[in-house]
């Protein structure tokens, strides 16, 4: 009985883990949609950020 239960638990675990596998190689969504489903272009995604870690001061 314990062996059957152990096999069932392992089988269900493998099925659950296999469900997490991505079906495509695309990590980010594509912008192929039209109308309300079309994503807006981010204005600052590639803009450099001025960062001075040594000169940083907290605002009070």
N, C-alpha and C. Protein backbone atom coordinates (compact mmCIF):
# COMPACT_ATOMS: atom_id res chain seq x y z
N UNK A 1 0.83 -1.19 0.00
CA UNK A 1 0.00 0.00 0.00
C UNK A 1 0.87 1.25 0.00
N UNK A 2 1.93 1.27 0.82
CA UNK A 2 2.80 2.44 0.89
C UNK A 2 3.54 2.65 -0.43
N UNK A 3 3.89 1.54 -1.07
CA UNK A 3 4.61 1.64 -2.34
C UNK A 3 3.72 2.27 -3.41
N UNK A 4 2.47 1.88 -3.47
CA UNK A 4 1.52 2.43 -4.44
C UNK A 4 1.30 3.92 -4.18
N UNK A 5 1.19 4.28 -2.91
CA UNK A 5 1.01 5.69 -2.55
C UNK A 5 2.24 6.50 -2.93
N UNK A 6 3.42 5.96 -2.69
CA UNK A 6 4.66 6.65 -3.03
C UNK A 6 4.78 6.85 -4.54
N UNK A 7 4.43 5.85 -5.32
CA UNK A 7 4.47 5.94 -6.78
C UNK A 7 3.48 7.00 -7.26
N UNK A 8 2.30 7.03 -6.67
CA UNK A 8 1.29 8.02 -7.05
C UNK A 8 1.76 9.44 -6.73
N UNK A 9 2.39 9.63 -5.58
CA UNK A 9 2.88 10.95 -5.19
C UNK A 9 3.99 11.40 -6.13
N UNK A 10 4.90 10.51 -6.46
CA UNK A 10 5.99 10.85 -7.38
C UNK A 10 5.43 11.17 -8.76
N UNK A 11 4.49 10.39 -9.23
CA UNK A 11 3.90 10.62 -10.55
C UNK A 11 3.18 11.96 -10.60
N UNK A 12 2.40 12.29 -9.57
CA UNK A 12 1.70 13.56 -9.53
C UNK A 12 2.67 14.74 -9.42
N UNK A 13 3.75 14.55 -8.69
CA UNK A 13 4.76 15.60 -8.58
C UNK A 13 5.40 15.87 -9.93
N UNK A 14 5.73 14.83 -10.65
CA UNK A 14 6.34 14.99 -11.97
C UNK A 14 5.39 15.69 -12.95
N UNK A 15 4.11 15.35 -12.88
CA UNK A 15 3.13 16.00 -13.75
C UNK A 15 3.01 17.48 -13.39
N UNK A 16 3.01 17.79 -12.09
CA UNK A 16 2.91 19.18 -11.66
C UNK A 16 4.13 19.98 -12.09
N UNK A 17 5.32 19.40 -11.96
CA UNK A 17 6.54 20.09 -12.37
C UNK A 17 6.59 20.26 -13.88
N UNK A 18 6.13 19.27 -14.62
CA UNK A 18 6.12 19.35 -16.08
C UNK A 18 5.18 20.44 -16.56
N UNK A 19 4.14 20.76 -15.80
CA UNK A 19 3.22 21.82 -16.16
C UNK A 19 3.85 23.19 -16.08
N UNK A 20 4.94 23.33 -15.36
CA UNK A 20 5.62 24.62 -15.21
C UNK A 20 6.57 24.91 -16.36
N UNK A 21 6.81 23.95 -17.20
CA UNK A 21 7.74 24.13 -18.31
C UNK A 21 7.12 25.05 -19.35
N UNK A 22 7.91 26.00 -19.83
CA UNK A 22 7.44 26.93 -20.85
C UNK A 22 7.26 26.19 -22.18
N UNK A 23 6.21 26.55 -22.90
CA UNK A 23 5.94 25.90 -24.18
C UNK A 23 6.67 26.57 -25.33
N UNK A 24 7.12 27.82 -25.12
CA UNK A 24 7.86 28.53 -26.16
C UNK A 24 9.16 29.06 -25.58
N UNK A 25 10.02 29.52 -26.44
CA UNK A 25 11.30 30.07 -26.00
C UNK A 25 11.19 31.57 -25.67
N UNK A 26 10.04 32.19 -25.93
CA UNK A 26 9.85 33.61 -25.70
C UNK A 26 9.61 33.88 -24.23
N UNK A 27 10.48 34.70 -23.61
CA UNK A 27 10.30 35.03 -22.20
C UNK A 27 9.44 36.27 -22.03
N UNK A 28 9.58 37.22 -22.92
CA UNK A 28 8.82 38.45 -22.84
C UNK A 28 7.66 38.38 -23.82
N UNK A 29 6.55 39.04 -23.51
CA UNK A 29 5.42 39.03 -24.44
C UNK A 29 5.74 39.82 -25.71
N UNK A 30 5.16 39.42 -26.80
CA UNK A 30 5.35 40.14 -28.05
C UNK A 30 4.28 41.21 -28.17
N UNK A 31 4.50 42.18 -29.02
CA UNK A 31 3.55 43.27 -29.19
C UNK A 31 2.82 43.11 -30.51
N UNK A 32 2.25 41.94 -30.74
CA UNK A 32 1.57 41.63 -31.99
C UNK A 32 0.09 41.98 -31.96
N UNK A 33 -0.43 42.44 -30.85
CA UNK A 33 -1.85 42.70 -30.71
C UNK A 33 -2.21 44.07 -31.28
N UNK A 34 -3.50 44.28 -31.48
CA UNK A 34 -4.01 45.56 -31.96
C UNK A 34 -5.02 46.11 -30.96
N UNK A 35 -5.29 47.39 -31.06
CA UNK A 35 -6.33 48.01 -30.24
C UNK A 35 -5.95 48.08 -28.77
N UNK A 36 -6.89 47.72 -27.90
CA UNK A 36 -6.70 47.82 -26.46
C UNK A 36 -5.68 46.82 -25.94
N UNK A 37 -5.42 45.75 -26.69
CA UNK A 37 -4.47 44.73 -26.25
C UNK A 37 -3.02 45.10 -26.56
N UNK A 38 -2.81 46.18 -27.33
CA UNK A 38 -1.45 46.56 -27.71
C UNK A 38 -0.76 47.21 -26.52
N UNK A 39 0.47 46.76 -26.22
CA UNK A 39 1.22 47.31 -25.10
C UNK A 39 1.84 48.64 -25.49
N UNK A 40 1.88 49.57 -24.53
CA UNK A 40 2.52 50.85 -24.78
C UNK A 40 4.04 50.68 -24.72
N UNK A 41 4.72 51.52 -25.47
CA UNK A 41 6.18 51.51 -25.47
C UNK A 41 6.65 52.22 -24.21
N UNK A 42 7.57 51.64 -23.50
CA UNK A 42 8.10 52.24 -22.29
C UNK A 42 9.05 53.37 -22.66
N UNK A 43 8.83 54.58 -22.13
CA UNK A 43 9.69 55.70 -22.51
C UNK A 43 11.07 55.66 -21.85
N UNK A 44 11.23 54.90 -20.78
CA UNK A 44 12.50 54.95 -20.05
C UNK A 44 13.18 53.59 -19.95
N UNK A 45 12.80 52.63 -20.76
CA UNK A 45 13.38 51.30 -20.65
C UNK A 45 14.86 51.29 -20.99
N UNK A 46 15.28 52.13 -21.91
CA UNK A 46 16.68 52.14 -22.32
C UNK A 46 17.41 53.40 -21.90
N UNK A 47 16.74 54.27 -21.15
CA UNK A 47 17.37 55.53 -20.74
C UNK A 47 18.37 55.26 -19.63
N UNK A 48 19.58 55.81 -19.74
CA UNK A 48 20.57 55.62 -18.67
C UNK A 48 20.14 56.38 -17.41
N UNK A 49 20.48 55.84 -16.27
CA UNK A 49 20.14 56.45 -15.00
C UNK A 49 21.43 56.95 -14.35
N UNK A 50 21.42 58.23 -13.98
CA UNK A 50 22.57 58.79 -13.28
C UNK A 50 22.55 58.27 -11.85
N UNK A 51 23.59 57.57 -11.45
CA UNK A 51 23.64 56.98 -10.12
C UNK A 51 24.99 57.28 -9.50
N UNK A 52 24.95 57.86 -8.32
CA UNK A 52 26.16 58.16 -7.57
C UNK A 52 26.00 57.54 -6.19
N UNK A 53 26.40 56.29 -6.05
CA UNK A 53 26.20 55.59 -4.78
C UNK A 53 26.94 56.21 -3.62
N UNK A 54 28.13 56.72 -3.85
CA UNK A 54 28.90 57.31 -2.75
C UNK A 54 28.32 58.64 -2.30
N UNK A 55 27.69 59.38 -3.21
CA UNK A 55 27.14 60.69 -2.86
C UNK A 55 25.67 60.65 -2.51
N UNK A 56 25.07 59.46 -2.37
CA UNK A 56 23.64 59.36 -2.09
C UNK A 56 23.33 59.83 -0.68
N UNK A 57 22.27 60.62 -0.54
CA UNK A 57 21.81 61.07 0.78
C UNK A 57 20.31 60.89 0.86
N UNK A 58 19.84 60.37 1.98
CA UNK A 58 18.41 60.16 2.21
C UNK A 58 17.72 61.48 2.39
N UNK A 59 16.50 61.58 1.85
CA UNK A 59 15.68 62.76 2.08
C UNK A 59 15.00 62.61 3.43
N UNK A 60 14.89 63.70 4.17
CA UNK A 60 14.28 63.60 5.50
C UNK A 60 12.79 63.83 5.47
